[in-house]
N, C-alpha and C. Protein backbone atom coordinates (compact mmCIF):
# COMPACT_ATOMS: atom_id res chain seq x y z
N MET A 1 7.07 20.01 1.72
CA MET A 1 5.82 20.60 3.03
C MET A 1 4.61 20.95 2.01
N ARG A 2 5.51 22.14 1.62
CA ARG A 2 4.15 23.16 0.87
C ARG A 2 3.58 22.52 -0.24
N GLN A 3 4.33 21.92 -1.11
CA GLN A 3 3.94 21.16 -2.43
C GLN A 3 2.93 20.29 -1.80
N SER A 4 2.83 19.20 -0.81
CA SER A 4 2.05 18.55 -0.28
C SER A 4 0.35 19.09 -0.12
N ILE A 5 0.66 20.49 0.67
CA ILE A 5 -0.31 21.35 0.91
C ILE A 5 -1.08 21.43 -0.11
N ALA A 6 -0.37 21.95 -1.19
CA ALA A 6 -0.86 22.85 -2.55
C ALA A 6 -1.57 21.29 -3.27
N VAL A 7 -0.98 20.42 -3.27
CA VAL A 7 -1.37 19.12 -4.04
C VAL A 7 -2.80 18.82 -3.22
N LEU A 8 -2.92 18.58 -1.89
CA LEU A 8 -4.11 18.52 -1.15
C LEU A 8 -5.20 19.43 -1.28
N ARG A 9 -4.74 20.77 -1.57
CA ARG A 9 -5.80 21.61 -1.78
C ARG A 9 -6.55 21.34 -3.26
N ALA A 10 -5.40 21.37 -4.10
CA ALA A 10 -6.08 21.19 -5.11
C ALA A 10 -7.17 19.94 -5.65
N TYR A 11 -6.34 18.59 -4.91
CA TYR A 11 -7.66 17.57 -4.68
C TYR A 11 -8.74 17.82 -4.23
N LEU A 12 -8.94 18.61 -2.97
CA LEU A 12 -10.09 18.96 -2.60
C LEU A 12 -10.92 20.15 -3.48
N ALA A 13 -9.97 20.89 -4.02
CA ALA A 13 -11.00 21.79 -5.21
C ALA A 13 -11.74 20.57 -6.11
N GLN A 14 -10.80 19.66 -6.75
CA GLN A 14 -11.60 19.18 -7.64
C GLN A 14 -12.37 18.37 -7.31
N SER A 15 -12.13 17.39 -6.48
CA SER A 15 -13.20 16.42 -5.83
C SER A 15 -14.52 17.07 -4.92
N GLY A 16 -14.02 18.27 -4.20
CA GLY A 16 -14.99 18.48 -3.52
C GLY A 16 -16.40 18.61 -3.56
N SER A 17 -16.61 19.01 -4.71
CA SER A 17 -18.12 19.06 -5.32
C SER A 17 -18.56 17.54 -5.68
N GLN A 18 -17.64 16.75 -5.69
CA GLN A 18 -18.50 15.24 -5.85
C GLN A 18 -18.66 14.50 -4.73
N LEU A 19 -18.34 15.20 -3.67
CA LEU A 19 -18.02 14.50 -2.43
C LEU A 19 -19.41 13.37 -2.13
N ASP A 20 -20.84 14.08 -2.05
CA ASP A 20 -21.87 13.30 -1.83
C ASP A 20 -22.72 13.26 -3.24
N TYR A 21 -22.12 13.34 -4.04
CA TYR A 21 -22.55 12.57 -5.64
C TYR A 21 -22.97 11.37 -5.57
N LYS A 22 -23.47 10.68 -6.02
CA LYS A 22 -23.69 9.27 -6.43
C LYS A 22 -24.24 9.41 -7.91
N THR A 23 -23.23 8.81 -8.65
CA THR A 23 -23.51 8.87 -10.12
C THR A 23 -24.28 7.51 -10.30
N ALA A 24 -25.09 7.70 -11.58
CA ALA A 24 -25.70 6.39 -12.29
C ALA A 24 -24.80 6.03 -13.53
N ASP A 25 -23.74 6.97 -13.83
CA ASP A 25 -22.75 6.55 -14.97
C ASP A 25 -22.44 4.89 -14.68
N ALA A 26 -22.61 4.11 -15.57
CA ALA A 26 -21.86 2.62 -15.77
C ALA A 26 -20.75 2.57 -15.47
N ARG A 27 -19.97 3.28 -16.13
CA ARG A 27 -18.51 3.17 -15.80
C ARG A 27 -18.02 3.27 -14.55
N LEU A 28 -18.72 3.82 -13.63
CA LEU A 28 -18.49 4.31 -12.22
C LEU A 28 -18.93 3.15 -11.64
N THR A 29 -19.80 2.35 -11.72
CA THR A 29 -20.53 1.42 -10.83
C THR A 29 -19.96 -0.09 -10.71
N GLY A 30 -18.96 -0.32 -11.69
CA GLY A 30 -18.47 -1.34 -12.09
C GLY A 30 -17.54 -2.27 -10.92
N PRO A 31 -17.48 -3.59 -10.66
CA PRO A 31 -16.64 -3.94 -9.60
C PRO A 31 -15.24 -3.37 -9.53
N THR A 32 -14.87 -2.73 -10.28
CA THR A 32 -13.45 -2.32 -10.26
C THR A 32 -13.12 -0.99 -9.66
N VAL A 33 -14.35 -0.36 -9.49
CA VAL A 33 -14.33 1.03 -8.42
C VAL A 33 -14.53 0.69 -6.99
N LYS A 34 -13.58 1.11 -6.16
CA LYS A 34 -13.76 1.13 -4.76
C LYS A 34 -14.83 2.02 -4.51
N ARG A 35 -15.50 1.58 -3.54
CA ARG A 35 -16.75 2.46 -2.76
C ARG A 35 -16.60 2.00 -1.49
N ASP A 36 -16.89 3.07 -0.35
CA ASP A 36 -17.04 2.70 0.92
C ASP A 36 -18.40 2.09 0.98
N GLY A 37 -18.79 2.01 2.53
CA GLY A 37 -20.57 1.57 2.81
C GLY A 37 -21.41 2.57 2.34
N ASN A 38 -20.75 3.98 1.82
CA ASN A 38 -21.97 4.90 1.64
C ASN A 38 -22.25 5.25 0.35
N GLY A 39 -21.34 4.44 -0.57
CA GLY A 39 -21.54 4.70 -1.82
C GLY A 39 -20.49 5.56 -2.33
N HIS A 40 -19.81 6.10 -1.75
CA HIS A 40 -18.93 7.40 -2.07
C HIS A 40 -17.32 6.57 -2.69
N LEU A 41 -16.87 7.42 -3.88
CA LEU A 41 -15.75 6.58 -4.44
C LEU A 41 -14.26 6.53 -3.36
N HIS A 42 -13.27 5.68 -3.43
CA HIS A 42 -12.34 5.75 -2.65
C HIS A 42 -11.20 6.78 -3.51
N MET A 43 -10.12 7.42 -3.23
CA MET A 43 -9.23 7.68 -3.81
C MET A 43 -8.39 6.88 -4.05
N SER A 44 -7.61 6.83 -5.49
CA SER A 44 -6.85 5.95 -6.26
C SER A 44 -5.28 6.01 -5.39
N ARG A 45 -4.51 5.03 -5.51
CA ARG A 45 -3.20 4.94 -5.21
C ARG A 45 -2.32 6.30 -5.60
N GLU A 46 -2.76 6.56 -6.86
CA GLU A 46 -2.08 7.42 -7.50
C GLU A 46 -2.22 9.08 -6.71
N GLN A 47 -3.75 9.21 -6.66
CA GLN A 47 -4.22 10.17 -5.62
C GLN A 47 -3.48 10.31 -4.11
N ALA A 48 -3.53 9.22 -3.83
CA ALA A 48 -2.76 9.08 -2.37
C ALA A 48 -1.58 9.75 -2.23
N PHE A 49 -0.96 9.08 -3.15
CA PHE A 49 0.82 9.43 -3.32
C PHE A 49 0.78 10.88 -3.28
N GLU A 50 0.01 11.61 -4.36
CA GLU A 50 0.03 12.80 -4.56
C GLU A 50 -0.51 13.82 -3.29
N VAL A 51 -1.67 13.40 -2.79
CA VAL A 51 -1.96 13.86 -1.31
C VAL A 51 -1.09 13.98 -0.34
N LEU A 52 -0.06 12.85 -0.09
CA LEU A 52 0.95 12.74 0.65
C LEU A 52 2.06 13.29 0.39
N GLY A 53 2.20 13.77 -0.78
CA GLY A 53 3.37 14.47 -1.53
C GLY A 53 4.71 13.28 -1.95
N LEU A 54 4.00 12.09 -2.01
CA LEU A 54 5.27 11.19 -2.20
C LEU A 54 5.19 10.64 -3.63
N ALA A 55 6.55 10.23 -4.36
CA ALA A 55 6.72 9.46 -5.17
C ALA A 55 6.12 8.07 -5.00
N PRO A 56 5.61 7.23 -6.41
CA PRO A 56 5.15 6.06 -6.31
C PRO A 56 5.80 5.18 -5.67
N SER A 57 7.17 5.09 -5.61
CA SER A 57 8.16 4.32 -5.26
C SER A 57 8.35 4.39 -3.68
N ALA A 58 7.58 5.03 -2.97
CA ALA A 58 7.83 5.34 -1.45
C ALA A 58 7.53 3.82 -0.70
N ASP A 59 8.24 3.68 0.37
CA ASP A 59 7.93 2.88 0.95
C ASP A 59 7.00 3.09 2.13
N ALA A 60 6.70 2.04 3.21
CA ALA A 60 5.81 2.11 4.15
C ALA A 60 6.34 2.99 5.27
N GLN A 61 7.53 3.10 5.31
CA GLN A 61 7.84 4.05 6.36
C GLN A 61 8.09 5.36 5.65
N GLU A 62 8.27 5.70 4.52
CA GLU A 62 8.23 7.17 3.81
C GLU A 62 6.61 7.28 4.06
N ILE A 63 5.77 6.81 3.77
CA ILE A 63 4.37 7.13 3.89
C ILE A 63 4.02 7.30 5.28
N ARG A 64 4.44 6.50 6.02
CA ARG A 64 4.12 6.86 7.50
C ARG A 64 4.68 8.45 8.04
N THR A 65 5.76 8.56 7.55
CA THR A 65 6.41 9.67 8.16
C THR A 65 5.87 11.11 7.02
N ALA A 66 5.54 10.77 5.89
CA ALA A 66 4.61 12.09 5.36
C ALA A 66 3.27 11.87 6.01
N HIS A 67 2.58 11.19 6.28
CA HIS A 67 1.42 11.35 7.14
C HIS A 67 1.29 11.69 8.21
N ARG A 68 2.13 11.54 8.96
CA ARG A 68 2.60 12.15 10.65
C ARG A 68 3.07 13.91 10.14
N ARG A 69 3.72 13.90 9.24
CA ARG A 69 4.17 15.38 8.86
C ARG A 69 2.95 16.38 8.74
N LEU A 70 2.15 15.76 7.70
CA LEU A 70 0.76 16.63 7.27
C LEU A 70 -0.21 16.56 8.30
N GLU A 71 -0.06 15.41 9.09
CA GLU A 71 -1.21 15.40 9.94
C GLU A 71 -0.93 16.66 11.51
N GLN A 72 0.22 16.59 11.71
CA GLN A 72 0.57 17.45 12.43
C GLN A 72 0.44 19.17 11.81
N LEU A 73 0.64 19.23 10.82
CA LEU A 73 0.71 20.55 10.02
C LEU A 73 -0.79 20.72 10.03
N LEU A 74 -1.84 20.01 9.55
CA LEU A 74 -3.10 20.02 9.06
C LEU A 74 -4.11 19.83 10.42
N ASP A 75 -3.35 19.44 11.72
CA ASP A 75 -4.14 19.15 12.65
C ASP A 75 -5.51 20.16 12.83
N PRO A 76 -6.67 19.90 13.08
CA PRO A 76 -7.79 20.90 13.15
C PRO A 76 -7.77 21.82 14.19
N GLN A 77 -7.03 21.41 15.58
CA GLN A 77 -7.11 22.06 16.76
C GLN A 77 -5.93 23.31 16.41
N LEU A 78 -5.25 23.16 15.31
CA LEU A 78 -4.07 24.10 14.75
C LEU A 78 -4.23 24.82 13.58
N GLY A 79 -5.77 24.80 13.03
CA GLY A 79 -6.24 25.68 11.89
C GLY A 79 -6.35 24.94 10.69
N GLY A 80 -6.05 23.67 10.87
CA GLY A 80 -6.60 22.70 9.37
C GLY A 80 -8.17 22.41 9.86
N THR A 81 -8.58 21.28 9.06
CA THR A 81 -10.06 21.02 9.01
C THR A 81 -10.23 19.37 9.22
N ALA A 82 -11.10 19.07 9.89
CA ALA A 82 -11.43 17.53 9.85
C ALA A 82 -11.32 16.97 8.86
N TYR A 83 -11.86 17.55 7.38
CA TYR A 83 -12.05 16.98 6.53
C TYR A 83 -10.58 16.67 5.62
N LEU A 84 -9.74 17.73 6.00
CA LEU A 84 -8.26 17.66 5.42
C LEU A 84 -7.69 16.21 6.05
N SER A 85 -7.73 16.26 7.54
CA SER A 85 -7.31 14.83 8.27
C SER A 85 -7.87 13.66 7.82
N MET A 86 -8.91 13.83 7.55
CA MET A 86 -9.79 12.48 6.78
C MET A 86 -9.05 12.32 5.66
N LYS A 87 -8.82 13.24 4.88
CA LYS A 87 -8.19 12.82 3.54
C LYS A 87 -6.58 12.28 3.66
N ILE A 88 -6.12 12.98 4.74
CA ILE A 88 -4.56 12.36 4.73
C ILE A 88 -4.82 10.86 5.51
N ASN A 89 -5.53 10.70 6.44
CA ASN A 89 -5.68 9.45 6.64
C ASN A 89 -6.13 8.31 5.70
N GLU A 90 -7.18 8.79 4.73
CA GLU A 90 -7.48 7.93 3.59
C GLU A 90 -6.09 7.40 2.73
N ALA A 91 -5.58 8.59 2.37
CA ALA A 91 -4.52 8.45 1.45
C ALA A 91 -3.64 7.16 2.31
N ARG A 92 -3.13 7.80 3.70
CA ARG A 92 -2.39 6.46 4.43
C ARG A 92 -3.02 5.27 4.19
N ASP A 93 -4.05 5.05 4.42
CA ASP A 93 -4.68 3.78 4.51
C ASP A 93 -4.94 3.13 3.12
N VAL A 94 -5.02 4.03 1.86
CA VAL A 94 -5.28 3.31 0.52
C VAL A 94 -3.76 3.00 0.64
N LEU A 95 -2.56 3.34 0.91
CA LEU A 95 -1.28 3.24 0.41
C LEU A 95 -0.63 1.94 1.36
N LEU A 96 -0.95 1.86 2.58
CA LEU A 96 -0.62 0.83 3.32
C LEU A 96 -1.49 -0.22 3.46
N GLY A 97 -2.87 -0.38 2.97
CA GLY A 97 -3.62 -1.25 2.55
C GLY A 97 -4.50 -1.76 3.94
N GLU A 98 -4.79 -0.78 4.68
CA GLU A 98 -5.51 -0.52 5.94
C GLU A 98 -7.00 -0.30 5.71
């Protein structure tokens, strides 16, 4: 559990400065890069596994269990932040294809 939180914090520290940054770099604007409707980059499957603290071989039930565990730990009403909750949800959605 602590490892998942540490990885999530490291991910946020690394990507936090790029959250609202829209690049003109052609390598990041091609059709293989996933973007949301606001032009932001989606996290990769590898990043999603790291955020949830899972191995790439994790099945759907393990993904849901890890998501639920982190969601309870990082609930904004219990000292977490809405941003952390959003990233946990994004990781789950990327891995489950939702």
